[in-house]
């Protein structure tokens, strides 16, 4: 494994901004950040359908959390 595969993998570095830089710039939660990560790499690493399903799973988890927070503001 080279440093490029660790620090700047090609499946996250398309375009003018790296995926993790976008996630930080937008101050996204863990689950939203993971969803963005899997969406960004869909079709560029492994199985695109699996990556999109992972993104959906993280989004569903975030939706459940947000629903709990809105029901119980003390969370």
Protein backbone atom coordinates (compact mmCIF):
# COMPACT_ATOMS: atom_id res chain seq x y z
CA UNK A 1 0.00 0.00 0.00
CA UNK A 2 1.42 3.38 -0.96
CA UNK A 3 0.93 6.67 0.80
CA UNK A 4 -1.38 7.75 -2.03
CA UNK A 5 -3.73 4.87 -1.20
CA UNK A 6 -3.77 5.97 2.44
CA UNK A 7 -3.69 9.77 2.21
CA UNK A 8 -5.20 10.47 -1.22
CA UNK A 9 -6.96 7.40 -2.63
CA UNK A 10 -8.14 7.95 -6.20
CA UNK A 11 -11.73 6.94 -5.37
CA UNK A 12 -12.00 9.95 -3.01
CA UNK A 13 -9.95 12.53 -4.92
CA UNK A 14 -11.93 13.15 -8.08
CA UNK A 15 -12.76 16.75 -8.84
CA UNK A 16 -11.29 19.80 -7.16
CA UNK A 17 -11.87 18.84 -3.51
CA UNK A 18 -11.22 15.62 -1.62
CA UNK A 19 -14.17 13.93 0.01
CA UNK A 20 -12.86 14.39 3.57
CA UNK A 21 -12.15 18.08 2.94
CA UNK A 22 -15.76 18.56 1.84
CA UNK A 23 -17.04 16.70 4.90
CA UNK A 24 -14.95 18.90 7.22
CA UNK A 25 -15.85 22.08 5.33
CA UNK A 26 -19.55 21.31 5.75
CA UNK A 27 -19.08 20.28 9.42
CA UNK A 28 -21.06 17.09 8.80
CA UNK A 29 -21.87 14.57 11.50
CA UNK A 30 -20.21 11.15 11.41
CA UNK A 31 -23.17 9.47 9.75
CA UNK A 32 -23.71 12.19 7.14
CA UNK A 33 -19.98 12.21 6.43
CA UNK A 34 -19.98 8.45 5.88
CA UNK A 35 -22.96 8.74 3.54
CA UNK A 36 -21.13 11.38 1.50
CA UNK A 37 -18.00 9.19 1.47
CA UNK A 38 -19.87 6.20 0.07
CA UNK A 39 -21.72 8.33 -2.49
CA UNK A 40 -18.43 9.87 -3.66
CA UNK A 41 -16.75 6.52 -4.15
CA UNK A 42 -19.75 4.70 -5.69
CA UNK A 43 -18.65 3.30 -9.01
CA UNK A 44 -14.96 3.97 -8.35
CA UNK A 45 -14.18 1.35 -5.71
CA UNK A 46 -15.70 -2.10 -5.38
CA UNK A 47 -19.43 -2.53 -6.05
CA UNK A 48 -21.33 0.72 -6.64
CA UNK A 49 -24.65 -0.77 -5.49
CA UNK A 50 -23.07 -1.88 -2.21
CA UNK A 51 -21.61 1.60 -1.67
CA UNK A 52 -24.99 3.22 -2.34
CA UNK A 53 -26.68 0.81 0.08
CA UNK A 54 -24.10 1.73 2.72
CA UNK A 55 -24.82 5.42 2.10
CA UNK A 56 -28.55 4.78 2.53
CA UNK A 57 -27.89 2.86 5.77
CA UNK A 58 -25.95 5.81 7.20
CA UNK A 59 -28.67 8.23 6.08
CA UNK A 60 -31.37 6.09 7.68
CA UNK A 61 -29.38 5.99 10.91
CA UNK A 62 -29.04 9.78 10.86
CA UNK A 63 -32.77 10.19 10.19
CA UNK A 64 -33.60 7.95 13.16
CA UNK A 65 -31.25 9.96 15.37
CA UNK A 66 -32.69 13.29 14.20
CA UNK A 67 -36.22 12.04 14.84
CA UNK A 68 -35.23 11.07 18.40
CA UNK A 69 -33.62 14.46 18.99
CA UNK A 70 -36.73 16.28 17.79
CA UNK A 71 -38.94 14.12 20.01
CA UNK A 72 -36.63 14.53 23.04
CA UNK A 73 -34.74 17.85 22.82
CA UNK A 74 -32.71 16.95 25.92
CA UNK A 75 -30.62 14.48 23.82
